[in-house]
Amino acid sequence: MQRTLPKLLMAALVGAFAGLALAAPMAYVPNEKTATVSVIDTATDQRLRDFAVGVRPRGIASGGGRLYLSDGKTGSLLIVDTATGQLLKTVLVGDSPEGVSLSADGTLLAVAVEDDNSVVLLAAPEGKELARIKVHGKNPEHAVFSPDGRWLYVSAEEAEQVDVVDVKARKQVASVPVGKRPRGIGFLPDGSRAYVASEVASKVYVIDVAERRVLAEIPAGQYPAGIAVHPDGKRVFVSNGRDPSVMAIDVASNTVVATVEVGKRPWNMAITPDGTKLYVANGRSGTVSVIDTASYKKLADIEVGQLPWGVSIQ
């Protein structure tokens, strides 16, 4: 028995750790009005808990056991431990920060700062500021890294273009004309194309990244806002703020192949790493809608806090 017990104990521990390793990723939802982050288990689509953070959490990115959140009220980047919800660090970035992006290798952060018309580049995970890069568009909302980390594409509320920042050079090097009020941005996994939702134009613009030109204009719903790209690179999803709906775009044909009704004022979105589910934050409903990306069926509406801004999955 003395020799068997350790073996049984070891087997139990291995099983326990295997279970943890196979656990589904969590979806994290910043709620602007309630100043909380809601945590959703993507395996069960159950809201597990909320934790208080900041005053007006908005933009969100996640990686390496950290959440990176912009606080629109305090002009800060908040660095939070995903396991505990504990605030680890507050970094001042400027008035009215919004979108936050983490590079694919997890070493760089970008924060779009609206009132400063700039993008703040920081080292991850510590949040040390590396550069403050001015852009042409006024009130920048999103600053998104290309998959290779070479470029930042920046959209702004008062613009008719997407600004292109050379990350290594730490400066804007180009602009690509799109429709009025560009919002969400997403890249194909191979980095060859970028998709930009232009709210006032009610279109999604497809940009050739190498040539910096628009390849196609895809009609969307009313006030398209968020963009999410499927990991297989074959479909792109866009949320339509006034419809309210999410559309699926076929990359090969640049056509809309499905429309799914969701909650009121759908905003920013995220897809699970395995590509099976899409989560969209519905700002005016205080919910997150879950969509099966294969069948284009809505699976659930999950109650969260008030004014959910977006979703990040880790």
Protein backbone atom coordinates (compact mmCIF):
# COMPACT_ATOMS: atom_id res chain seq x y z
CA MET A 1 0.00 0.00 0.00
CA GLN A 2 2.84 2.38 0.76
CA ARG A 3 4.18 1.95 -2.78
CA THR A 4 0.75 2.06 -4.47
CA LEU A 5 -0.52 5.23 -2.80
CA PRO A 6 2.07 7.56 -4.32
CA LYS A 7 1.28 6.10 -7.76
CA LEU A 8 -2.42 6.74 -7.26
CA LEU A 9 -1.71 10.22 -6.01
CA MET A 10 0.51 10.91 -9.00
CA ALA A 11 -2.17 9.68 -11.40
CA ALA A 12 -4.74 11.93 -9.76
CA LEU A 13 -2.46 14.93 -10.04
CA VAL A 14 -1.71 14.22 -13.69
CA GLY A 15 -5.41 13.92 -14.39
CA ALA A 16 -6.12 17.18 -12.59
CA PHE A 17 -3.43 19.06 -14.50
CA ALA A 18 -4.60 17.54 -17.79
CA GLY A 19 -8.08 18.82 -17.04
CA LEU A 20 -6.72 22.30 -16.44
CA ALA A 21 -4.72 22.17 -19.65
CA LEU A 22 -7.83 21.22 -21.63
CA ALA A 23 -10.02 23.88 -20.02
CA ALA A 24 -11.77 26.13 -22.51
CA PRO A 25 -10.53 29.69 -22.84
CA MET A 26 -12.34 32.50 -21.07
CA ALA A 27 -14.02 35.45 -22.75
CA TYR A 28 -13.44 38.79 -21.01
CA VAL A 29 -15.93 41.63 -21.51
CA PRO A 30 -15.25 45.21 -20.33
CA ASN A 31 -18.44 47.01 -19.25
CA GLU A 32 -18.07 50.79 -19.52
CA LYS A 33 -20.96 51.94 -17.36
CA THR A 34 -20.64 49.41 -14.53
CA ALA A 35 -16.81 49.59 -14.50
CA THR A 36 -16.46 45.82 -14.46
CA VAL A 37 -15.12 42.97 -16.52
CA SER A 38 -17.41 39.96 -17.01
CA VAL A 39 -15.77 36.54 -17.34
CA ILE A 40 -17.49 33.94 -19.54
CA ASP A 41 -16.55 30.26 -19.82
CA THR A 42 -16.56 29.56 -23.58
CA ALA A 43 -17.17 25.84 -22.98
CA THR A 44 -20.51 26.39 -21.22
CA ASP A 45 -21.30 30.00 -22.20
CA GLN A 46 -21.92 30.76 -18.55
CA ARG A 47 -20.93 34.04 -16.97
CA LEU A 48 -18.71 32.98 -14.11
CA ARG A 49 -18.08 36.26 -12.34
CA ASP A 50 -17.48 40.00 -12.63
CA PHE A 51 -14.63 41.97 -11.16
CA ALA A 52 -14.43 45.72 -10.69
CA VAL A 53 -11.71 47.57 -12.59
CA GLY A 54 -11.07 51.23 -13.38
CA VAL A 55 -13.76 53.84 -13.95
CA ARG A 56 -14.65 53.37 -17.63
CA PRO A 57 -13.02 50.24 -19.08
CA ARG A 58 -13.20 50.19 -22.86
CA GLY A 59 -10.57 48.72 -25.16
CA ILE A 60 -9.25 45.29 -24.29
CA ALA A 61 -6.49 42.87 -25.30
CA SER A 62 -5.26 39.76 -23.54
CA GLY A 63 -2.29 37.41 -23.49
CA GLY A 64 0.17 35.74 -21.16
CA GLY A 65 -2.21 35.71 -18.22
CA ARG A 66 -2.83 39.46 -18.46
CA LEU A 67 -5.67 41.72 -19.49
CA TYR A 68 -4.80 45.11 -20.94
CA LEU A 69 -7.66 47.60 -20.66
CA SER A 70 -7.99 51.25 -21.56
CA ASP A 71 -9.78 53.44 -19.01
CA GLY A 72 -11.53 56.23 -20.89
CA LYS A 73 -12.12 58.28 -17.76
CA THR A 74 -8.66 58.26 -16.19
CA GLY A 75 -6.58 58.20 -19.38
CA SER A 76 -4.85 55.00 -18.32
CA LEU A 77 -3.88 51.54 -19.46
CA LEU A 78 -4.85 49.00 -16.79
CA ILE A 79 -2.87 45.76 -16.51
CA VAL A 80 -4.88 43.04 -14.78
CA ASP A 81 -4.17 39.45 -13.72
CA THR A 82 -6.68 37.23 -15.53
CA ALA A 83 -6.77 34.57 -12.83
CA THR A 84 -7.56 36.87 -9.91
CA GLY A 85 -8.91 40.04 -11.49
CA GLN A 86 -6.30 41.96 -9.50
CA LEU A 87 -5.09 45.28 -10.90
CA LEU A 88 -1.32 44.91 -11.26
CA LYS A 89 -0.38 48.26 -12.74
CA THR A 90 -1.81 51.54 -14.03
CA VAL A 91 -0.02 53.36 -16.85
CA LEU A 92 -1.02 56.89 -17.90
CA VAL A 93 -1.34 57.10 -21.70
CA GLY A 94 -3.40 60.24 -22.38
CA ASP A 95 -6.97 61.54 -22.44
CA SER A 96 -9.72 59.25 -23.76
CA PRO A 97 -7.84 56.09 -24.75
CA GLU A 98 -9.89 53.47 -26.55
CA GLY A 99 -8.72 50.49 -28.62
CA VAL A 100 -5.91 48.28 -27.29
CA SER A 101 -3.95 45.78 -29.37
CA LEU A 102 -1.32 43.18 -28.43
CA SER A 103 1.22 42.01 -31.00
CA ALA A 104 1.10 38.35 -31.98
CA ASP A 105 4.38 37.63 -30.20
CA GLY A 106 3.07 39.26 -27.02
CA THR A 107 5.88 41.83 -26.72
CA LEU A 108 4.19 45.07 -27.79
CA LEU A 109 1.01 46.93 -26.93
CA ALA A 110 -0.67 49.71 -28.88
CA VAL A 111 -3.27 52.08 -27.41
CA ALA A 112 -5.28 54.51 -29.55
CA VAL A 113 -5.56 57.82 -27.69
CA GLU A 114 -8.42 59.89 -29.06
CA ASP A 115 -7.79 63.35 -27.65
CA ASP A 116 -4.09 63.23 -28.48
CA ASN A 117 -4.58 61.95 -32.08
CA SER A 118 -1.85 59.43 -31.39
CA VAL A 119 -1.00 55.80 -30.79
CA VAL A 120 1.03 54.95 -27.71
CA LEU A 121 3.38 52.01 -28.17
CA LEU A 122 4.35 50.12 -25.00
CA ALA A 123 6.36 47.07 -24.04
CA ALA A 124 4.39 44.06 -22.79
CA PRO A 125 3.79 42.83 -20.18
CA GLU A 126 5.23 45.66 -18.06
CA GLY A 127 3.55 48.53 -19.93
CA LYS A 128 6.63 50.71 -20.36
CA GLU A 129 6.02 53.47 -22.93
CA LEU A 130 8.29 53.17 -25.96
CA ALA A 131 6.88 55.80 -28.31
CA ARG A 132 3.99 58.18 -28.91
CA ILE A 133 3.14 58.21 -32.60
CA LYS A 134 1.03 60.97 -34.14
CA VAL A 135 -1.51 59.99 -36.81
CA HIS A 136 -3.47 62.02 -39.34
CA GLY A 137 -6.95 60.81 -38.41
CA LYS A 138 -8.70 62.67 -35.59
CA ASN A 139 -9.98 60.74 -32.58
CA PRO A 140 -8.30 57.41 -33.35
CA GLU A 141 -10.35 54.49 -32.08
CA HIS A 142 -8.47 51.34 -33.01
CA ALA A 143 -4.78 50.60 -33.56
CA VAL A 144 -4.33 47.00 -34.69
CA PHE A 145 -1.07 45.10 -35.30
CA SER A 146 -0.59 43.14 -38.50
CA PRO A 147 0.10 39.43 -37.81
CA ASP A 148 3.84 39.88 -38.39
CA GLY A 149 3.95 42.92 -36.10
CA ARG A 150 5.39 45.13 -38.82
CA TRP A 151 2.44 47.49 -39.22
CA LEU A 152 -0.21 49.18 -37.15
CA TYR A 153 -3.46 50.06 -38.91
CA VAL A 154 -5.23 52.95 -37.20
CA SER A 155 -8.88 53.97 -37.63
CA ALA A 156 -10.31 57.26 -36.41
CA GLU A 157 -13.80 58.62 -35.83
CA GLU A 158 -13.12 61.78 -37.85
CA ALA A 159 -11.40 60.28 -40.86
CA GLU A 160 -11.91 58.86 -44.32
CA GLN A 161 -8.74 56.82 -44.31
CA VAL A 162 -6.84 54.19 -42.38
CA ASP A 163 -3.43 55.38 -41.22
CA VAL A 164 -0.49 52.98 -41.56
CA VAL A 165 2.24 53.08 -38.91
CA ASP A 166 5.64 51.45 -39.36
CA VAL A 167 6.18 49.84 -35.96
CA LYS A 168 9.97 49.64 -36.20
CA ALA A 169 10.34 53.22 -37.47
CA ARG A 170 7.78 54.47 -34.90
CA LYS A 171 6.01 56.74 -37.40
CA GLN A 172 3.08 56.94 -39.82
CA VAL A 173 4.20 56.11 -43.34
CA ALA A 174 0.96 55.99 -45.35
CA SER A 175 -2.81 56.35 -45.42
CA VAL A 176 -5.34 54.24 -47.33
CA PRO A 177 -8.60 56.01 -48.30
CA VAL A 178 -11.80 54.31 -47.08
CA GLY A 179 -15.33 55.45 -46.24
CA LYS A 180 -16.31 57.90 -43.53
CA ARG A 181 -15.81 56.99 -39.89
CA PRO A 182 -13.68 53.83 -40.08
CA ARG A 183 -14.01 51.60 -37.02
CA GLY A 184 -13.06 47.95 -36.57
CA ILE A 185 -10.01 46.47 -38.29
CA GLY A 186 -8.97 42.86 -38.82
CA PHE A 187 -6.17 41.14 -40.76
CA LEU A 188 -6.21 37.77 -42.48
CA PRO A 189 -3.91 35.33 -40.65
CA ASP A 190 -1.31 35.56 -43.42
CA GLY A 191 -1.35 39.36 -43.23
CA SER A 192 -2.12 39.81 -46.93
CA ARG A 193 -5.38 41.71 -46.46
CA ALA A 194 -6.98 43.97 -43.91
CA TYR A 195 -10.72 44.49 -43.44
CA VAL A 196 -12.05 47.84 -42.24
CA ALA A 197 -15.63 48.61 -41.19
CA SER A 198 -16.64 52.17 -42.15
CA GLU A 199 -19.63 53.19 -40.09
CA VAL A 200 -21.12 56.08 -42.07
CA ALA A 201 -20.40 54.45 -45.44
CA SER A 202 -22.06 51.19 -44.29
CA LYS A 203 -19.33 49.22 -46.03
CA VAL A 204 -16.40 46.94 -45.31
CA TYR A 205 -13.24 47.86 -47.20
CA VAL A 206 -10.77 45.17 -48.23
CA ILE A 207 -7.19 46.46 -48.31
CA ASP A 208 -4.21 44.87 -50.03
CA VAL A 209 -1.55 45.28 -47.32
CA ALA A 210 1.47 45.04 -49.63
CA GLU A 211 0.12 47.54 -52.19
CA ARG A 212 -1.80 49.72 -49.70
CA ARG A 213 -4.88 49.99 -51.87
CA VAL A 214 -8.54 49.00 -51.61
CA LEU A 215 -9.36 45.79 -53.45
CA ALA A 216 -13.09 45.68 -52.77
CA GLU A 217 -15.96 47.52 -51.08
CA ILE A 218 -18.50 45.16 -49.51
CA PRO A 219 -21.95 46.50 -48.58
CA ALA A 220 -22.68 45.84 -44.91
CA GLY A 221 -25.63 46.65 -42.66
CA GLN A 222 -26.33 49.96 -40.98
CA TYR A 223 -23.39 51.43 -39.10
CA PRO A 224 -20.89 48.56 -39.24
CA ALA A 225 -18.51 48.71 -36.29
CA GLY A 226 -16.64 45.57 -35.26
CA ILE A 227 -14.51 43.18 -37.31
CA ALA A 228 -13.47 39.62 -36.40
CA VAL A 229 -11.48 37.32 -38.71
CA HIS A 230 -11.91 33.54 -38.56
CA PRO A 231 -8.65 31.69 -37.81
CA ASP A 232 -8.93 29.75 -41.08
CA GLY A 233 -8.83 33.01 -43.03
CA LYS A 234 -11.88 32.10 -45.09
CA ARG A 235 -14.48 34.30 -43.39
CA VAL A 236 -14.66 37.74 -41.86
CA PHE A 237 -17.44 38.86 -39.50
CA VAL A 238 -18.78 42.40 -39.19
CA SER A 239 -21.19 43.76 -36.57
CA ASN A 240 -23.87 46.25 -37.67
CA GLY A 241 -24.72 48.69 -34.92
CA ARG A 242 -28.13 49.83 -36.09
CA ASP A 243 -29.62 46.66 -37.57
CA PRO A 244 -28.68 44.96 -35.14
CA SER A 245 -26.86 42.02 -36.70
CA VAL A 246 -23.61 40.28 -37.50
CA MET A 247 -22.76 39.42 -41.10
CA ALA A 248 -20.38 36.74 -42.35
CA ILE A 249 -18.26 37.63 -45.40
CA ASP A 250 -16.75 34.99 -47.68
CA VAL A 251 -13.14 36.02 -48.31
CA ALA A 252 -12.87 34.29 -51.69
CA SER A 253 -15.87 36.07 -53.22
CA ASN A 254 -16.05 39.23 -51.05
CA THR A 255 -19.76 38.62 -50.55
CA VAL A 256 -22.01 38.38 -47.50
CA VAL A 257 -23.04 34.74 -47.00
CA ALA A 258 -25.04 34.97 -43.75
CA THR A 259 -26.70 37.46 -41.42
CA VAL A 260 -27.40 36.70 -37.75
CA GLU A 261 -29.63 38.83 -35.55
CA VAL A 262 -28.06 39.76 -32.19
CA GLY A 263 -28.64 42.25 -29.37
CA LYS A 264 -28.93 46.02 -29.60
CA ARG A 265 -25.90 48.04 -30.73
CA PRO A 266 -23.47 45.19 -31.43
CA TRP A 267 -19.95 46.50 -31.15
CA ASN A 268 -16.62 44.70 -30.91
CA MET A 269 -16.17 40.93 -31.19
CA ALA A 270 -13.81 37.99 -30.74
CA ILE A 271 -13.61 34.40 -31.98
CA THR A 272 -12.44 31.40 -29.96
CA PRO A 273 -8.99 30.09 -30.94
CA ASP A 274 -10.53 26.95 -32.47
CA GLY A 275 -12.81 29.13 -34.60
CA THR A 276 -16.08 27.52 -33.50
CA LYS A 277 -17.74 30.44 -31.71
CA LEU A 278 -17.97 34.19 -32.12
CA TYR A 279 -18.78 36.48 -29.18
CA VAL A 280 -20.21 39.96 -29.82
CA ALA A 281 -20.73 42.67 -27.20
CA ASN A 282 -24.17 44.30 -27.47
CA GLY A 283 -23.73 47.76 -25.94
CA ARG A 284 -27.36 48.74 -25.47
CA SER A 285 -28.63 45.30 -24.49
CA GLY A 286 -26.02 44.64 -21.83
CA THR A 287 -25.45 41.20 -23.32
CA VAL A 288 -22.98 39.14 -25.28
CA SER A 289 -24.40 37.10 -28.18
CA VAL A 290 -22.72 33.79 -29.03
CA ILE A 291 -22.75 32.63 -32.66
CA ASP A 292 -21.88 29.21 -34.06
CA THR A 293 -19.50 30.10 -36.89
CA ALA A 294 -20.27 26.93 -38.89
CA SER A 295 -24.08 27.07 -38.88
CA TYR A 296 -24.42 30.86 -38.39
CA LYS A 297 -26.91 30.23 -35.61
CA LYS A 298 -27.11 32.27 -32.42
CA LEU A 299 -26.47 29.95 -29.50
CA ALA A 300 -27.02 32.24 -26.53
CA ASP A 301 -27.43 35.75 -25.18
CA ILE A 302 -25.40 36.15 -21.99
CA GLU A 303 -26.16 38.98 -19.60
CA VAL A 304 -23.12 41.04 -18.63
CA GLY A 305 -22.67 44.56 -17.26
CA GLN A 306 -23.93 47.82 -18.73
CA LEU A 307 -22.44 49.11 -22.00
CA PRO A 308 -20.16 46.20 -22.89
CA TRP A 309 -17.49 47.52 -25.28
CA GLY A 310 -15.96 44.35 -26.69
CA VAL A 311 -14.57 40.90 -26.04
CA SER A 312 -11.13 39.35 -25.68
CA ILE A 313 -10.61 35.60 -25.43
CA GLN A 314 -7.70 33.87 -23.69
